[in-house]
Protein backbone atom coordinates (compact mmCIF):
# COMPACT_ATOMS: atom_id res chain seq x y z
CA MET A 1 -62.26 41.21 12.57
CA ARG A 2 -61.94 44.97 12.90
CA SER A 3 -64.37 45.57 10.01
CA VAL A 4 -66.96 43.32 11.69
CA ALA A 5 -66.65 45.33 14.89
CA ALA A 6 -66.95 48.60 12.97
CA ALA A 7 -70.03 47.41 11.09
CA THR A 8 -71.60 46.21 14.34
CA ALA A 9 -70.88 49.55 16.03
CA VAL A 10 -72.39 51.51 13.15
CA ALA A 11 -75.45 49.24 13.12
CA GLY A 12 -75.87 49.83 16.86
CA LEU A 13 -75.67 53.58 16.35
CA LEU A 14 -78.26 53.37 13.61
CA ALA A 15 -80.69 51.59 15.88
CA ALA A 16 -80.35 54.33 18.47
CA SER A 17 -80.34 57.27 16.08
CA ASP A 18 -83.01 59.26 14.33
CA ALA A 19 -84.34 57.17 11.43
CA SER A 20 -85.21 60.20 9.28
CA ALA A 21 -81.59 61.32 8.93
CA VAL A 22 -80.05 57.96 8.10
CA THR A 23 -81.58 55.43 5.82
CA GLU A 24 -78.85 52.94 5.08
CA VAL A 25 -75.30 51.85 5.88
CA ARG A 26 -73.62 49.34 3.63
CA ALA A 27 -70.54 47.26 4.33
CA SER A 28 -68.69 46.22 1.22
CA ALA A 29 -66.53 43.72 3.10
CA GLY A 30 -68.75 40.84 1.98
CA ALA A 31 -69.08 38.03 4.49
CA GLY A 32 -67.70 40.19 7.29
CA MET A 33 -64.53 38.19 7.78
CA ALA A 34 -62.61 39.72 4.87
CA VAL A 35 -60.06 42.43 5.52
CA CYS A 36 -60.99 45.87 4.24
CA THR A 37 -58.85 46.58 1.19
CA THR A 38 -60.99 49.06 -0.76
CA LYS A 39 -58.81 52.10 -1.39
CA TYR A 40 -59.88 55.58 -2.41
CA LYS A 41 -57.76 58.46 -3.67
CA VAL A 42 -58.66 62.00 -2.62
CA ILE A 43 -59.52 64.14 -5.67
CA GLY A 44 -60.47 67.34 -3.84
CA ARG A 45 -57.80 69.95 -3.07
CA VAL A 46 -58.17 69.87 0.73
CA VAL A 47 -61.05 67.87 2.22
CA ALA A 48 -62.25 67.78 5.83
CA VAL A 49 -62.79 64.44 7.54
CA ARG A 50 -65.79 65.07 9.78
CA ARG A 51 -67.06 63.29 12.88
CA PRO A 52 -70.83 63.22 13.33
CA ALA A 53 -71.97 65.37 16.22
CA TRP A 54 -73.76 63.55 19.05
CA LYS A 55 -77.10 64.96 17.92
CA ASP A 56 -76.61 63.94 14.26
CA GLY A 57 -76.63 60.18 14.82
CA SER A 58 -74.18 58.14 12.78
CA VAL A 59 -73.93 60.21 9.58
CA ALA A 60 -71.90 63.39 9.27
CA ARG A 61 -73.29 66.66 7.95
CA PRO A 62 -71.49 69.49 6.17
CA ASP A 63 -71.39 71.40 9.47
CA SER A 64 -70.21 68.49 11.66
CA PRO A 65 -66.97 68.98 13.63
CA VAL A 66 -63.75 68.47 11.64
CA ASP A 67 -61.41 65.72 12.88
CA HIS A 68 -58.60 66.35 10.39
CA TYR A 69 -57.93 67.27 6.77
CA VAL A 70 -56.71 65.17 3.85
CA HIS A 71 -55.11 66.47 0.67
CA ARG A 72 -55.31 65.65 -3.02
CA GLY A 73 -53.52 62.38 -3.76
CA ASP A 74 -53.85 60.90 -0.26
CA VAL A 75 -55.00 57.26 -0.23
CA LEU A 76 -57.73 56.25 2.25
CA VAL A 77 -59.23 52.86 3.11
CA SER A 78 -63.01 52.56 3.46
CA CYS A 79 -65.39 49.61 3.46
CA ILE A 80 -68.47 51.29 4.91
CA ASP A 81 -70.78 53.85 3.30
CA ALA A 82 -73.10 56.05 5.30
CA ILE A 83 -76.04 57.43 3.32
CA ALA A 84 -77.85 60.55 4.48
CA ARG A 85 -81.03 61.28 2.59
CA THR A 86 -83.12 64.38 3.09
CA GLU A 87 -86.53 65.42 1.84
CA ARG A 88 -84.96 68.43 0.11
CA GLY A 89 -82.57 66.41 -2.06
CA PRO A 90 -78.83 65.84 -1.72
CA ALA A 91 -77.27 66.10 1.73
CA TYR A 92 -74.22 68.13 0.66
CA ARG A 93 -72.36 69.89 -2.15
CA LYS A 94 -68.64 69.18 -1.93
CA CYS A 95 -65.80 69.03 -4.47
CA GLY A 96 -68.02 70.52 -7.18
CA ARG A 97 -70.80 67.89 -7.00
CA THR A 98 -73.84 67.12 -4.90
CA GLY A 99 -74.26 63.85 -3.04
CA SER A 100 -75.65 61.92 -0.12
CA VAL A 101 -73.01 59.23 0.43
CA TRP A 102 -70.26 59.58 3.03
CA ARG A 103 -67.30 57.16 3.13
CA VAL A 104 -66.39 56.07 6.65
CA VAL A 105 -62.61 56.43 7.01
CA ARG A 106 -60.16 56.56 9.91
CA GLY A 107 -61.07 59.57 12.02
CA GLY A 108 -64.58 60.15 10.66
CA GLN A 109 -66.39 60.45 7.35
CA ILE A 110 -65.56 62.07 4.02
CA PRO A 111 -67.93 63.00 1.17
CA ALA A 112 -67.91 60.34 -1.56
CA THR A 113 -67.79 63.08 -4.22
CA CYS A 114 -64.28 63.98 -3.02
CA VAL A 115 -62.71 60.52 -3.48
CA ARG A 116 -62.27 58.09 -6.36
CA ARG A 117 -61.87 54.33 -6.01
CA ILE A 118 -58.47 52.98 -7.08
């Protein structure tokens, strides 16, 4: 039930946000009634979990405020991806790779290049 509420909240934010910054949010929970069990292991040394600023809409940016930090080996749960596409290419360069996908985790969002699915 919590994942349905989270997906609904993100969809509501998308409707109210700037459409050029955010193009898609996917929920991998399936029918919406399943419990989120997709786990990711942090592969970066120390990675910031960022909250999108009020002006950024629903997708974080590399300069968004930091909520907290996670460390290599920590396990996070995420069922929602936030995709930020720009005209200039990838949205960020983190953990040695470029990317546009942010994983929505407890406390904010983390670059998908810094986690690996387990």
